[in-house]
């Protein structure tokens, strides 16, 4: 399942962010988050944690209200109609259902 995201340059040039979500139920997950920085670009000193948090807040904060307001949290809705171009999304949601995350 694609529960991982690799974002090159997410925290500036020469940086890499890697995030892995591990679902623990239909509505909760454990998130593992790693960031790496190129010392040739960012220097050998410590990373500015406060500055990094400010950047991440700018990226994620606007989505929080949207994500938290989505209801109902179901993998499949009985009224949905699927077309051929929906095949990838349908396969992904079936895999979630098979893992027990039907919602």
C-alpha atoms as a PDB file:
ATOM      1  CA  UNK A   1       0.000   0.000   0.000  1.00  0.00           C
ATOM      2  CA  UNK A   2       1.249   3.501  -0.723  1.00  0.00           C
ATOM      3  CA  UNK A   3       1.400   4.745   2.853  1.00  0.00           C
ATOM      4  CA  UNK A   4       4.726   6.503   2.253  1.00  0.00           C
ATOM      5  CA  UNK A   5       5.630   9.883   0.755  1.00  0.00           C
ATOM      6  CA  UNK A   6       9.102  11.025  -0.369  1.00  0.00           C
ATOM      7  CA  UNK A   7       9.381  14.795  -0.916  1.00  0.00           C
ATOM      8  CA  UNK A   8      12.625  16.084  -2.363  1.00  0.00           C
ATOM      9  CA  UNK A   9      13.295  19.746  -1.583  1.00  0.00           C
ATOM     10  CA  UNK A  10      10.324  20.016   0.790  1.00  0.00           C
ATOM     11  CA  UNK A  11      12.414  21.845   3.405  1.00  0.00           C
ATOM     12  CA  UNK A  12      14.536  23.796   0.972  1.00  0.00           C
ATOM     13  CA  UNK A  13      17.242  22.927  -1.566  1.00  0.00           C
ATOM     14  CA  UNK A  14      19.156  19.774  -0.792  1.00  0.00           C
ATOM     15  CA  UNK A  15      16.574  18.468   1.695  1.00  0.00           C
ATOM     16  CA  UNK A  16      14.509  15.298   1.689  1.00  0.00           C
ATOM     17  CA  UNK A  17      11.391  14.546   3.729  1.00  0.00           C
ATOM     18  CA  UNK A  18      10.122  10.989   4.111  1.00  0.00           C
ATOM     19  CA  UNK A  19       6.795  10.254   5.795  1.00  0.00           C
ATOM     20  CA  UNK A  20       5.242   6.845   6.492  1.00  0.00           C
ATOM     21  CA  UNK A  21       1.715   6.377   7.835  1.00  0.00           C
ATOM     22  CA  UNK A  22       0.873   3.201   9.734  1.00  0.00           C
ATOM     23  CA  UNK A  23      -2.914   2.870  10.157  1.00  0.00           C
ATOM     24  CA  UNK A  24      -3.914   1.538  13.567  1.00  0.00           C
ATOM     25  CA  UNK A  25      -7.696   1.638  12.965  1.00  0.00           C
ATOM     26  CA  UNK A  26     -10.179   2.976  10.422  1.00  0.00           C
ATOM     27  CA  UNK A  27      -9.779   6.495  11.839  1.00  0.00           C
ATOM     28  CA  UNK A  28      -6.312   6.674  13.432  1.00  0.00           C
ATOM     29  CA  UNK A  29      -2.713   6.172  12.386  1.00  0.00           C
ATOM     30  CA  UNK A  30       0.842   6.413  13.634  1.00  0.00           C
ATOM     31  CA  UNK A  31       3.003   8.777  11.560  1.00  0.00           C
ATOM     32  CA  UNK A  32       6.772   8.357  11.162  1.00  0.00           C
ATOM     33  CA  UNK A  33       8.492  11.447   9.792  1.00  0.00           C
ATOM     34  CA  UNK A  34      12.131  11.836   8.810  1.00  0.00           C
ATOM     35  CA  UNK A  35      13.991  14.752   7.262  1.00  0.00           C
ATOM     36  CA  UNK A  36      17.519  14.898   5.876  1.00  0.00           C
ATOM     37  CA  UNK A  37      19.581  17.906   4.841  1.00  0.00           C
ATOM     38  CA  UNK A  38      22.612  18.194   2.569  1.00  0.00           C
ATOM     39  CA  UNK A  39      25.463  19.711   4.631  1.00  0.00           C
ATOM     40  CA  UNK A  40      26.916  21.214   1.427  1.00  0.00           C
ATOM     41  CA  UNK A  41      23.763  23.358   1.167  1.00  0.00           C
ATOM     42  CA  UNK A  42      22.735  23.769   4.809  1.00  0.00           C
ATOM     43  CA  UNK A  43      26.136  23.630   6.521  1.00  0.00           C
ATOM     44  CA  UNK A  44      27.332  21.219   9.204  1.00  0.00           C
ATOM     45  CA  UNK A  45      25.628  23.001  12.111  1.00  0.00           C
ATOM     46  CA  UNK A  46      22.358  22.051  13.762  1.00  0.00           C
ATOM     47  CA  UNK A  47      19.086  22.352  11.847  1.00  0.00           C
ATOM     48  CA  UNK A  48      16.894  25.331  12.761  1.00  0.00           C
ATOM     49  CA  UNK A  49      14.065  23.387  14.414  1.00  0.00           C
ATOM     50  CA  UNK A  50      11.888  26.443  15.015  1.00  0.00           C
ATOM     51  CA  UNK A  51      12.236  27.557  11.397  1.00  0.00           C
ATOM     52  CA  UNK A  52      11.549  24.041  10.141  1.00  0.00           C
ATOM     53  CA  UNK A  53       8.402  23.817  12.292  1.00  0.00           C
ATOM     54  CA  UNK A  54       7.199  27.164  10.879  1.00  0.00           C
ATOM     55  CA  UNK A  55       7.592  25.864   7.311  1.00  0.00           C
ATOM     56  CA  UNK A  56       5.757  22.642   8.134  1.00  0.00           C
ATOM     57  CA  UNK A  57       2.946  24.599   9.803  1.00  0.00           C
ATOM     58  CA  UNK A  58       2.544  26.662   6.636  1.00  0.00           C
ATOM     59  CA  UNK A  59       2.313  23.477   4.565  1.00  0.00           C
ATOM     60  CA  UNK A  60      -0.007  21.392   6.739  1.00  0.00           C
ATOM     61  CA  UNK A  61      -2.145  23.848   8.736  1.00  0.00           C
ATOM     62  CA  UNK A  62      -4.436  24.907   5.851  1.00  0.00           C
ATOM     63  CA  UNK A  63      -5.413  21.274   5.257  1.00  0.00           C
ATOM     64  CA  UNK A  64      -6.271  20.472   8.885  1.00  0.00           C
ATOM     65  CA  UNK A  65      -9.792  21.977   8.884  1.00  0.00           C
ATOM     66  CA  UNK A  66     -10.608  20.322   5.565  1.00  0.00           C
ATOM     67  CA  UNK A  67      -9.406  16.879   6.653  1.00  0.00           C
ATOM     68  CA  UNK A  68     -11.117  17.069  10.043  1.00  0.00           C
ATOM     69  CA  UNK A  69     -14.430  18.146   8.468  1.00  0.00           C
ATOM     70  CA  UNK A  70     -14.696  15.239   6.011  1.00  0.00           C
ATOM     71  CA  UNK A  71     -17.651  13.025   6.873  1.00  0.00           C
ATOM     72  CA  UNK A  72     -18.598  10.258   6.622  1.00  0.00           C
ATOM     73  CA  UNK A  73     -15.258   8.471   6.783  1.00  0.00           C
ATOM     74  CA  UNK A  74     -16.141   5.521   4.561  1.00  0.00           C
ATOM     75  CA  UNK A  75     -13.970   3.734   2.028  1.00  0.00           C
ATOM     76  CA  UNK A  76     -16.933   3.013  -0.273  1.00  0.00           C
ATOM     77  CA  UNK A  77     -20.232   4.857  -0.445  1.00  0.00           C
ATOM     78  CA  UNK A  78     -23.212   2.938  -1.824  1.00  0.00           C
ATOM     79  CA  UNK A  79     -24.208   5.810  -4.114  1.00  0.00           C
ATOM     80  CA  UNK A  80     -20.883   6.154  -5.951  1.00  0.00           C
ATOM     81  CA  UNK A  81     -20.617   5.439  -9.662  1.00  0.00           C
ATOM     82  CA  UNK A  82     -17.232   4.395 -11.031  1.00  0.00           C
ATOM     83  CA  UNK A  83     -15.807   4.775 -14.539  1.00  0.00           C
ATOM     84  CA  UNK A  84     -12.726   3.235 -16.145  1.00  0.00           C
ATOM     85  CA  UNK A  85     -10.531   6.195 -15.119  1.00  0.00           C
ATOM     86  CA  UNK A  86     -11.441   5.526 -11.464  1.00  0.00           C
ATOM     87  CA  UNK A  87      -9.711   2.110 -11.539  1.00  0.00           C
ATOM     88  CA  UNK A  88      -6.643   3.170  -9.554  1.00  0.00           C
ATOM     89  CA  UNK A  89      -8.683   4.825  -6.793  1.00  0.00           C
ATOM     90  CA  UNK A  90     -11.078   1.880  -6.642  1.00  0.00           C
ATOM     91  CA  UNK A  91      -8.183  -0.610  -6.392  1.00  0.00           C
ATOM     92  CA  UNK A  92      -6.603   1.452  -3.614  1.00  0.00           C
ATOM     93  CA  UNK A  93      -9.852   1.615  -1.646  1.00  0.00           C
ATOM     94  CA  UNK A  94     -10.462  -2.130  -2.111  1.00  0.00           C
ATOM     95  CA  UNK A  95      -7.006  -2.795  -0.704  1.00  0.00           C
ATOM     96  CA  UNK A  96      -7.848  -0.587   2.296  1.00  0.00           C
ATOM     97  CA  UNK A  97     -11.090  -2.515   2.757  1.00  0.00           C
ATOM     98  CA  UNK A  98      -9.224  -5.833   2.556  1.00  0.00           C
ATOM     99  CA  UNK A  99      -6.908  -4.576   5.308  1.00  0.00           C
ATOM    100  CA  UNK A 100      -9.944  -3.903   7.508  1.00  0.00           C
ATOM    101  CA  UNK A 101     -10.167  -0.127   7.040  1.00  0.00           C
ATOM    102  CA  UNK A 102     -13.631  -0.016   5.513  1.00  0.00           C
ATOM    103  CA  UNK A 103     -14.841   2.768   7.767  1.00  0.00           C
END
